[in-house]
Every structure is written in C-alpha cells, then in structure tokens.
Amino acid sequence: MDVRFHLDSNGQDLTVQHVQDVEPILEWNRAARTEQQRSDWGRHVARIPNVIYVRWLDEEHRKGNTSLRMFTPEFDAIVQRKLEDPEWAYLRVDKPALQVGWSWQR
C-alpha cells in the first residue's frame, strides 16, 4: 500500500491518500470461493485489502469513534458486521449462504 501526501494550494491543508492495487487480492478471493473448505476449524472467511481496512477505520472516525484502533476486538466486530453486509460480500470466500448449522457471534 502506498501512502501519498498532498498539500493544498493554500499551503496549510494536507490530504493523505492510501493507494493499493487490490486486483490480485480480489482475484485470489474469486479463486478461493471455488474451492471447498474441508474443515470448520480455521475456516478462511475473507481476504481484505489494506485500503478497505483504512476506509472502514476512517468511516468510524468520521462517526466520532476516534478511540477505535485497528485489529482490536472492537474493530474485529466492525469488520464482522461489514462482511455480513451484501455490499462487501465480494470479499468473502467462505460461501456463507451455503453454510449449515449454528454460528457463534459476539
């Protein structure tokens, strides 16, 4: 992931841009979706590009959740909710609609 800094023409405002080529990750997700996962233990759920993690963190900060940090239990819960949203289903590799039985949620 590249981080680019842009100084506004007024010389005071700074914009930080995160850039990542996500195509290899999305291609890996498409391929992984076709493979059967033989175990429920350690089931791979998703491969998420870093720029998406940063986007989700920024969204939470804009909502006022400024104490949130990546890879904490609170952030993990947000990621879980995002992955259950149809908008982000393309990141999943575990075919959630085909699962049978119970699932544990916090």
C-alpha atoms as a PDB file:
ATOM      1  CA  MET A   1       0.000   0.000   0.000  1.00  0.00           C
ATOM      2  CA  ASP A   2       1.305   3.415  -0.930  1.00  0.00           C
ATOM      3  CA  VAL A   3       0.625   6.476   1.181  1.00  0.00           C
ATOM      4  CA  ARG A   4       0.639   9.753  -0.702  1.00  0.00           C
ATOM      5  CA  PHE A   5       0.557  13.213   0.827  1.00  0.00           C
ATOM      6  CA  HIS A   6      -0.986  16.181  -0.985  1.00  0.00           C
ATOM      7  CA  LEU A   7      -0.558  19.753   0.219  1.00  0.00           C
ATOM      8  CA  ASP A   8      -3.461  22.016  -0.727  1.00  0.00           C
ATOM      9  CA  SER A   9      -2.755  25.120  -2.773  1.00  0.00           C
ATOM     10  CA  ASN A  10      -3.324  27.223   0.356  1.00  0.00           C
ATOM     11  CA  GLY A  11      -0.166  25.654   1.803  1.00  0.00           C
ATOM     12  CA  GLN A  12      -1.897  24.641   5.046  1.00  0.00           C
ATOM     13  CA  ASP A  13      -4.229  21.717   4.402  1.00  0.00           C
ATOM     14  CA  LEU A  14      -2.823  18.228   3.970  1.00  0.00           C
ATOM     15  CA  THR A  15      -4.628  15.278   2.380  1.00  0.00           C
ATOM     16  CA  VAL A  16      -3.418  11.713   2.925  1.00  0.00           C
ATOM     17  CA  GLN A  17      -4.245   9.211   0.187  1.00  0.00           C
ATOM     18  CA  HIS A  18      -3.871   5.435   0.531  1.00  0.00           C
ATOM     19  CA  VAL A  19      -3.376   3.565  -2.750  1.00  0.00           C
ATOM     20  CA  GLN A  20      -3.230  -0.185  -3.300  1.00  0.00           C
ATOM     21  CA  ASP A  21      -3.558  -2.499  -6.288  1.00  0.00           C
ATOM     22  CA  VAL A  22      -6.390  -4.683  -4.993  1.00  0.00           C
ATOM     23  CA  GLU A  23      -6.879  -6.767  -8.142  1.00  0.00           C
ATOM     24  CA  PRO A  24      -4.566  -9.636  -7.028  1.00  0.00           C
ATOM     25  CA  ILE A  25      -6.452  -9.892  -3.719  1.00  0.00           C
ATOM     26  CA  LEU A  26      -9.871  -9.833  -5.394  1.00  0.00           C
ATOM     27  CA  GLU A  27      -8.692 -12.419  -7.927  1.00  0.00           C
ATOM     28  CA  TRP A  28      -7.476 -14.632  -5.064  1.00  0.00           C
ATOM     29  CA  ASN A  29     -10.909 -14.260  -3.413  1.00  0.00           C
ATOM     30  CA  ARG A  30     -12.666 -15.326  -6.629  1.00  0.00           C
ATOM     31  CA  ALA A  31     -10.453 -18.396  -6.932  1.00  0.00           C
ATOM     32  CA  ALA A  32     -10.791 -19.296  -3.230  1.00  0.00           C
ATOM     33  CA  ARG A  33     -14.583 -19.177  -3.497  1.00  0.00           C
ATOM     34  CA  THR A  34     -14.496 -22.104  -5.925  1.00  0.00           C
ATOM     35  CA  GLU A  35     -12.504 -24.318  -3.552  1.00  0.00           C
ATOM     36  CA  GLN A  36     -14.177 -26.398  -0.892  1.00  0.00           C
ATOM     37  CA  GLN A  37     -13.029 -25.781   2.661  1.00  0.00           C
ATOM     38  CA  ARG A  38     -12.926 -29.142   4.346  1.00  0.00           C
ATOM     39  CA  SER A  39     -12.890 -28.004   7.957  1.00  0.00           C
ATOM     40  CA  ASP A  40     -14.904 -25.644  10.111  1.00  0.00           C
ATOM     41  CA  TRP A  41     -11.868 -25.034  12.319  1.00  0.00           C
ATOM     42  CA  GLY A  42      -9.739 -22.211  10.951  1.00  0.00           C
ATOM     43  CA  ARG A  43     -12.158 -21.562   8.086  1.00  0.00           C
ATOM     44  CA  HIS A  44     -10.916 -18.774   5.858  1.00  0.00           C
ATOM     45  CA  VAL A  45     -13.629 -16.102   5.704  1.00  0.00           C
ATOM     46  CA  ALA A  46     -12.156 -13.250   3.657  1.00  0.00           C
ATOM     47  CA  ARG A  47      -9.021 -11.593   2.392  1.00  0.00           C
ATOM     48  CA  ILE A  48      -9.433  -7.849   2.834  1.00  0.00           C
ATOM     49  CA  PRO A  49      -7.207  -5.270   1.120  1.00  0.00           C
ATOM     50  CA  ASN A  50      -5.472  -2.856   3.481  1.00  0.00           C
ATOM     51  CA  VAL A  51      -7.120   0.147   1.806  1.00  0.00           C
ATOM     52  CA  ILE A  52     -10.517  -1.292   2.794  1.00  0.00           C
ATOM     53  CA  TYR A  53      -9.408  -1.607   6.420  1.00  0.00           C
ATOM     54  CA  VAL A  54      -8.275   2.036   6.329  1.00  0.00           C
ATOM     55  CA  ARG A  55     -11.581   3.067   4.742  1.00  0.00           C
ATOM     56  CA  TRP A  56     -13.591   1.310   7.461  1.00  0.00           C
ATOM     57  CA  LEU A  57     -11.445   2.877  10.180  1.00  0.00           C
ATOM     58  CA  ASP A  58     -11.868   6.336   8.619  1.00  0.00           C
ATOM     59  CA  GLU A  59     -15.654   5.839   8.440  1.00  0.00           C
ATOM     60  CA  GLU A  60     -15.745   5.048  12.156  1.00  0.00           C
ATOM     61  CA  HIS A  61     -13.576   8.061  12.977  1.00  0.00           C
ATOM     62  CA  ARG A  62     -15.931  10.318  10.996  1.00  0.00           C
ATOM     63  CA  LYS A  63     -18.805   8.909  13.085  1.00  0.00           C
ATOM     64  CA  GLY A  64     -16.951  10.062  16.191  1.00  0.00           C
ATOM     65  CA  ASN A  65     -15.412   6.754  17.249  1.00  0.00           C
ATOM     66  CA  THR A  66     -11.934   8.287  17.407  1.00  0.00           C
ATOM     67  CA  SER A  67     -10.577   5.909  20.053  1.00  0.00           C
ATOM     68  CA  LEU A  68     -11.010   2.921  17.710  1.00  0.00           C
ATOM     69  CA  ARG A  69      -7.791   1.163  16.679  1.00  0.00           C
ATOM     70  CA  MET A  70      -7.268  -1.474  14.022  1.00  0.00           C
ATOM     71  CA  PHE A  71      -7.144  -5.142  14.981  1.00  0.00           C
ATOM     72  CA  THR A  72      -8.729  -4.693  18.392  1.00  0.00           C
ATOM     73  CA  PRO A  73     -11.787  -6.721  19.446  1.00  0.00           C
ATOM     74  CA  GLU A  74     -13.966  -3.650  18.790  1.00  0.00           C
ATOM     75  CA  PHE A  75     -12.566  -3.263  15.272  1.00  0.00           C
ATOM     76  CA  ASP A  76     -12.928  -7.017  14.659  1.00  0.00           C
ATOM     77  CA  ALA A  77     -16.649  -6.709  15.471  1.00  0.00           C
ATOM     78  CA  ILE A  78     -16.986  -3.904  12.919  1.00  0.00           C
ATOM     79  CA  VAL A  79     -15.198  -5.999  10.303  1.00  0.00           C
ATOM     80  CA  GLN A  80     -17.548  -8.912  11.044  1.00  0.00           C
ATOM     81  CA  ARG A  81     -20.598  -6.671  10.547  1.00  0.00           C
ATOM     82  CA  LYS A  82     -19.160  -5.298   7.302  1.00  0.00           C
ATOM     83  CA  LEU A  83     -18.525  -8.798   5.957  1.00  0.00           C
ATOM     84  CA  GLU A  84     -22.151  -9.729   6.698  1.00  0.00           C
ATOM     85  CA  ASP A  85     -23.327  -6.742   4.611  1.00  0.00           C
ATOM     86  CA  PRO A  86     -24.158  -7.664   0.961  1.00  0.00           C
ATOM     87  CA  GLU A  87     -22.193  -4.600  -0.193  1.00  0.00           C
ATOM     88  CA  TRP A  88     -18.966  -6.263   0.962  1.00  0.00           C
ATOM     89  CA  ALA A  89     -19.865  -9.880   0.056  1.00  0.00           C
ATOM     90  CA  TYR A  90     -17.271  -9.923  -2.744  1.00  0.00           C
ATOM     91  CA  LEU A  91     -14.542 -10.025  -0.076  1.00  0.00           C
ATOM     92  CA  ARG A  92     -15.876 -13.277   1.402  1.00  0.00           C
ATOM     93  CA  VAL A  93     -14.547 -16.660   0.354  1.00  0.00           C
ATOM     94  CA  ASP A  94     -16.499 -18.953   2.675  1.00  0.00           C
ATOM     95  CA  LYS A  95     -19.840 -19.103   0.809  1.00  0.00           C
ATOM     96  CA  PRO A  96     -21.866 -18.014   3.859  1.00  0.00           C
ATOM     97  CA  ALA A  97     -25.209 -18.734   2.191  1.00  0.00           C
ATOM     98  CA  LEU A  98     -24.283 -22.416   1.870  1.00  0.00           C
ATOM     99  CA  GLN A  99     -23.304 -22.965   5.496  1.00  0.00           C
ATOM    100  CA  VAL A 100     -25.481 -25.195   7.599  1.00  0.00           C
ATOM    101  CA  GLY A 101     -25.769 -25.233  11.375  1.00  0.00           C
ATOM    102  CA  TRP A 102     -25.133 -22.688  14.041  1.00  0.00           C
ATOM    103  CA  SER A 103     -22.675 -19.827  14.008  1.00  0.00           C
ATOM    104  CA  TRP A 104     -21.200 -18.126  17.028  1.00  0.00           C
ATOM    105  CA  GLN A 105     -21.407 -14.331  17.196  1.00  0.00           C
ATOM    106  CA  ARG A 106     -20.318 -11.945  19.914  1.00  0.00           C
END
